[in-house]
Amino acid sequence: MSESSRFPRPLHRTRLYEQVAEQITAWISENDLKAGDRLPPERQLATSLGVSRATLSQALVALEVIGVVAVRHGDGTVLTDKPRAERITDAIRAHAERIPDVIEARDALETKIAALAAQRRTQEDLDHIQAALKAMLDDIEGGGRGVQGDELFHRAVTEAAHSPLLEQMMSEISELIRETRIESLSQPDRPRTSLAGHQKIADAIAAGDPEAAAAAMHGHVMLVSDVALLRDR
């Protein structure tokens, strides 16, 4: 008898937020919602499903990172037109399982990129970095999560490194980074903490200090790796 036939594969325990995510997608199908349709407000949806707002929020974040819904500041949670062929729970688990690999790649690439940016940045690069910081701050102060500003900041730092190959590599994993960005910035108090990390990176780049820029970027990437989907596992 082979080892694979002797021992069954371990069963995954279905977590509450995964069950809620399945309930939400079932509700979407039952109500024949189309791309662009809005889901009910979180308080109403939580009451309808009989779950806490915290559990509902985690389920919505999970659905957002796999592309089922989009959270738009001022417009609520909107259904996307991205089809989901696989079971929602499987998609959520696949996302959670690849987060450590994405963080590892980000740390390797972006730490080097930050160091190069500190050595090669131009005044125009610094202006773009500052504009990204302001965009993120404005969004956060307006009640948003700063997702677009976060993306603009990391893109500006990457461009400031003036390394076409590293920029191409970052582009190739950009969709995976987007998933982790949404998950990270949905953590309580994370947007402002992340913005503070960005400012530390920007200051080191502006000062032309590659070691400090690399250290600041490493610390930032480690911070954003602390996400609920991994802690729950």
Protein backbone atom coordinates (compact mmCIF):
# COMPACT_ATOMS: atom_id res chain seq x y z
CA MET A 1 0.00 0.00 0.00
CA SER A 2 1.39 3.41 -0.95
CA GLU A 3 1.81 6.25 1.53
CA SER A 4 -0.80 8.31 -0.34
CA SER A 5 -3.41 5.55 -0.09
CA ARG A 6 -2.60 4.75 3.54
CA PHE A 7 -3.10 8.25 4.89
CA PRO A 8 -6.01 10.46 3.81
CA ARG A 9 -5.33 14.11 3.04
CA PRO A 10 -6.11 16.42 5.94
CA LEU A 11 -9.49 18.13 5.83
CA HIS A 12 -9.68 21.90 5.80
CA ARG A 13 -11.78 23.47 8.51
CA THR A 14 -14.22 25.89 6.92
CA ARG A 15 -13.88 29.21 8.70
CA LEU A 16 -16.86 31.41 9.47
CA TYR A 17 -15.85 34.19 7.08
CA GLU A 18 -15.48 31.59 4.29
CA GLN A 19 -19.01 30.35 4.99
CA VAL A 20 -20.26 33.94 4.93
CA ALA A 21 -18.48 34.56 1.62
CA GLU A 22 -20.28 31.55 0.18
CA GLN A 23 -23.58 32.88 1.55
CA ILE A 24 -22.99 36.27 -0.04
CA THR A 25 -22.25 34.78 -3.46
CA ALA A 26 -25.34 32.56 -3.16
CA TRP A 27 -27.41 35.64 -2.31
CA ILE A 28 -25.95 37.42 -5.35
CA SER A 29 -27.00 34.53 -7.61
CA GLU A 30 -30.45 34.22 -6.06
CA ASN A 31 -31.09 37.93 -6.59
CA ASP A 32 -29.67 37.85 -10.13
CA LEU A 33 -27.26 40.70 -9.50
CA LYS A 34 -25.21 41.91 -12.45
CA ALA A 35 -21.83 43.60 -12.78
CA GLY A 36 -22.05 47.11 -11.34
CA ASP A 37 -24.93 46.31 -8.96
CA ARG A 38 -24.42 47.36 -5.37
CA LEU A 39 -24.67 45.07 -2.39
CA PRO A 40 -26.74 46.25 0.60
CA PRO A 41 -24.94 48.31 3.28
CA GLU A 42 -22.77 46.19 5.59
CA ARG A 43 -25.00 46.68 8.62
CA GLN A 44 -28.06 45.48 6.69
CA LEU A 45 -26.22 42.57 5.09
CA ALA A 46 -24.76 41.45 8.44
CA THR A 47 -28.22 41.48 10.01
CA SER A 48 -29.70 39.52 7.09
CA LEU A 49 -26.99 36.86 7.35
CA GLY A 50 -27.02 36.78 11.14
CA VAL A 51 -23.30 37.49 11.53
CA SER A 52 -21.19 40.21 13.12
CA ARG A 53 -19.99 43.22 11.15
CA ALA A 54 -16.40 42.08 11.73
CA THR A 55 -17.01 38.66 10.17
CA LEU A 56 -18.93 40.20 7.29
CA SER A 57 -16.12 42.69 6.64
CA GLN A 58 -13.55 39.87 6.53
CA ALA A 59 -15.74 37.94 4.09
CA LEU A 60 -16.13 40.99 1.84
CA VAL A 61 -12.38 41.60 1.87
CA ALA A 62 -11.82 37.98 0.88
CA LEU A 63 -14.30 38.38 -1.99
CA GLU A 64 -12.62 41.62 -3.02
CA VAL A 65 -9.11 40.16 -3.22
CA ILE A 66 -10.31 37.33 -5.46
CA GLY A 67 -12.15 39.79 -7.70
CA VAL A 68 -15.81 39.04 -6.96
CA VAL A 69 -16.61 42.50 -5.59
CA ALA A 70 -14.99 45.92 -5.52
CA VAL A 71 -15.20 48.32 -2.58
CA ARG A 72 -15.53 51.88 -3.81
CA HIS A 73 -15.29 54.71 -1.34
CA GLY A 74 -18.58 56.57 -1.29
CA ASP A 75 -20.28 53.97 -3.48
CA GLY A 76 -20.27 50.87 -1.27
CA THR A 77 -19.54 47.30 -2.34
CA VAL A 78 -20.13 46.70 -6.03
CA LEU A 79 -20.31 43.40 -7.91
CA THR A 80 -17.64 42.99 -10.60
CA ASP A 81 -17.98 41.20 -13.90
CA LYS A 82 -15.14 38.78 -13.14
CA PRO A 83 -16.51 35.22 -13.46
CA ARG A 84 -15.70 32.68 -10.77
CA ALA A 85 -15.52 29.14 -12.14
CA GLU A 86 -14.22 27.54 -8.95
CA ARG A 87 -15.83 27.40 -5.52
CA ILE A 88 -15.43 30.65 -3.63
CA THR A 89 -13.87 28.92 -0.62
CA ASP A 90 -11.24 27.30 -2.84
CA ALA A 91 -10.37 30.66 -4.42
CA ILE A 92 -10.05 32.32 -1.02
CA ARG A 93 -7.77 29.55 0.27
CA ALA A 94 -5.63 29.68 -2.87
CA HIS A 95 -5.15 33.40 -2.30
CA ALA A 96 -4.19 32.90 1.35
CA GLU A 97 -1.73 30.16 0.45
CA ARG A 98 0.16 32.32 -2.07
CA ILE A 99 0.44 35.39 0.18
CA PRO A 100 3.75 34.24 1.78
CA ASP A 101 5.31 33.74 -1.67
CA VAL A 102 4.15 37.17 -2.81
CA ILE A 103 5.55 38.82 0.33
CA GLU A 104 8.86 36.99 -0.12
CA ALA A 105 9.12 38.20 -3.73
CA ARG A 106 8.16 41.75 -2.76
CA ASP A 107 10.78 41.86 -0.03
CA ALA A 108 13.52 40.65 -2.37
CA LEU A 109 12.59 43.00 -5.22
CA GLU A 110 11.37 46.13 -3.46
CA THR A 111 14.16 46.26 -0.88
CA LYS A 112 16.68 46.41 -3.73
CA ILE A 113 14.50 48.83 -5.66
CA ALA A 114 14.37 51.23 -2.70
CA ALA A 115 18.16 51.17 -2.36
CA LEU A 116 18.61 51.90 -6.07
CA ALA A 117 16.00 54.66 -5.90
CA ALA A 118 18.00 56.37 -3.16
CA GLN A 119 21.06 56.30 -5.45
CA ARG A 120 19.44 57.17 -8.79
CA ARG A 121 16.36 59.30 -8.08
CA THR A 122 15.88 62.58 -9.88
CA GLN A 123 13.93 65.59 -8.65
CA GLU A 124 11.07 64.52 -10.91
CA ASP A 125 11.10 61.10 -9.22
CA LEU A 126 10.93 62.74 -5.80
CA ASP A 127 8.01 64.89 -6.95
CA HIS A 128 6.13 61.77 -8.09
CA ILE A 129 6.81 60.05 -4.75
CA GLN A 130 5.50 63.08 -2.83
CA ALA A 131 2.42 63.27 -5.04
CA ALA A 132 1.68 59.62 -4.28
CA LEU A 133 2.04 60.24 -0.54
CA LYS A 134 -0.40 63.15 -0.78
CA ALA A 135 -2.89 61.09 -2.81
CA MET A 136 -2.85 58.36 -0.17
CA LEU A 137 -3.21 60.84 2.69
CA ASP A 138 -6.12 62.63 1.00
CA ASP A 139 -7.93 59.33 0.42
CA ILE A 140 -7.42 58.18 4.02
CA GLU A 141 -8.58 61.52 5.43
CA GLY A 142 -11.66 61.21 3.23
CA GLY A 143 -12.51 57.85 4.79
CA GLY A 144 -10.87 55.59 2.19
CA ARG A 145 -8.18 52.95 2.56
CA GLY A 146 -5.57 54.63 0.37
CA VAL A 147 -5.34 51.69 -2.04
CA GLN A 148 -4.70 53.76 -5.17
CA GLY A 149 -2.23 56.05 -3.40
CA ASP A 150 -0.39 53.00 -2.09
CA GLU A 151 -0.10 51.64 -5.62
CA LEU A 152 1.08 55.02 -6.94
CA PHE A 153 3.75 55.21 -4.24
CA HIS A 154 5.28 51.81 -4.95
CA ARG A 155 5.16 52.51 -8.68
CA ALA A 156 6.91 55.86 -8.17
CA VAL A 157 9.65 54.24 -6.08
CA THR A 158 10.10 51.51 -8.69
CA GLU A 159 10.41 54.09 -11.46
CA ALA A 160 12.92 56.06 -9.36
CA ALA A 161 15.21 53.01 -9.33
CA HIS A 162 15.64 53.37 -13.12
CA SER A 163 16.02 49.61 -13.57
CA PRO A 164 13.93 48.41 -16.54
CA LEU A 165 14.30 44.74 -15.65
CA LEU A 166 13.27 45.18 -12.02
CA GLU A 167 10.37 47.33 -13.18
CA GLN A 168 9.30 44.57 -15.57
CA MET A 169 9.49 41.98 -12.80
CA MET A 170 7.34 44.14 -10.55
CA SER A 171 4.83 44.55 -13.35
CA GLU A 172 4.60 40.79 -13.80
CA ILE A 173 3.52 40.25 -10.18
CA SER A 174 1.43 43.43 -9.94
CA GLU A 175 -1.90 41.59 -9.84
CA LEU A 176 -0.69 39.38 -6.99
CA ILE A 177 0.55 42.47 -5.17
CA ARG A 178 -2.84 44.12 -5.67
CA GLU A 179 -4.47 41.22 -3.80
CA THR A 180 -2.14 41.57 -0.82
CA ARG A 181 -2.48 45.38 -0.91
CA ILE A 182 -6.27 45.21 -0.56
CA GLU A 183 -6.03 42.62 2.21
CA SER A 184 -3.40 44.62 4.11
CA LEU A 185 -5.10 48.02 3.85
CA SER A 186 -8.36 46.50 5.08
CA GLN A 187 -6.78 45.75 8.50
CA PRO A 188 -7.81 48.13 11.33
CA ASP A 189 -5.61 51.25 11.45
CA ARG A 190 -3.39 49.83 8.70
CA PRO A 191 -3.77 52.66 6.13
CA ARG A 192 -2.18 55.30 8.37
CA THR A 193 0.50 52.91 9.61
CA SER A 194 1.31 52.00 6.02
CA LEU A 195 1.43 55.66 5.05
CA ALA A 196 3.91 56.32 7.88
CA GLY A 197 6.07 53.52 6.48
CA HIS A 198 5.89 55.10 3.03
CA GLN A 199 7.03 58.42 4.47
CA LYS A 200 10.05 56.77 6.10
CA ILE A 201 10.99 55.17 2.77
CA ALA A 202 10.51 58.47 0.94
CA ASP A 203 12.67 60.35 3.44
CA ALA A 204 15.53 57.86 3.03
CA ILE A 205 15.30 58.03 -0.77
CA ALA A 206 15.27 61.83 -0.69
CA ALA A 207 18.31 61.78 1.61
CA GLY A 208 20.17 59.54 -0.84
CA ASP A 209 20.67 56.85 1.82
CA PRO A 210 20.37 53.41 0.16
CA GLU A 211 20.88 51.42 3.37
CA ALA A 212 18.15 53.33 5.22
CA ALA A 213 15.82 53.09 2.21
CA ALA A 214 16.31 49.33 1.97
CA ALA A 215 15.76 48.88 5.72
CA ALA A 216 12.63 51.05 5.64
CA MET A 217 11.22 49.13 2.70
CA HIS A 218 11.97 45.78 4.35
CA GLY A 219 10.20 46.88 7.52
CA HIS A 220 7.25 48.10 5.50
CA VAL A 221 6.87 44.86 3.55
CA MET A 222 7.03 42.87 6.78
CA LEU A 223 4.29 45.07 8.23
CA VAL A 224 1.95 44.58 5.29
CA SER A 225 2.51 40.81 5.48
CA ASP A 226 0.60 40.78 8.78
CA VAL A 227 -2.88 40.08 7.45
CA ALA A 228 -5.97 38.44 8.93
CA LEU A 229 -6.15 35.65 6.36
CA LEU A 230 -2.75 34.37 7.53
CA ARG A 231 -3.29 34.96 11.25
CA ASP A 232 -6.53 32.99 11.01
CA ARG A 233 -4.47 30.04 9.73
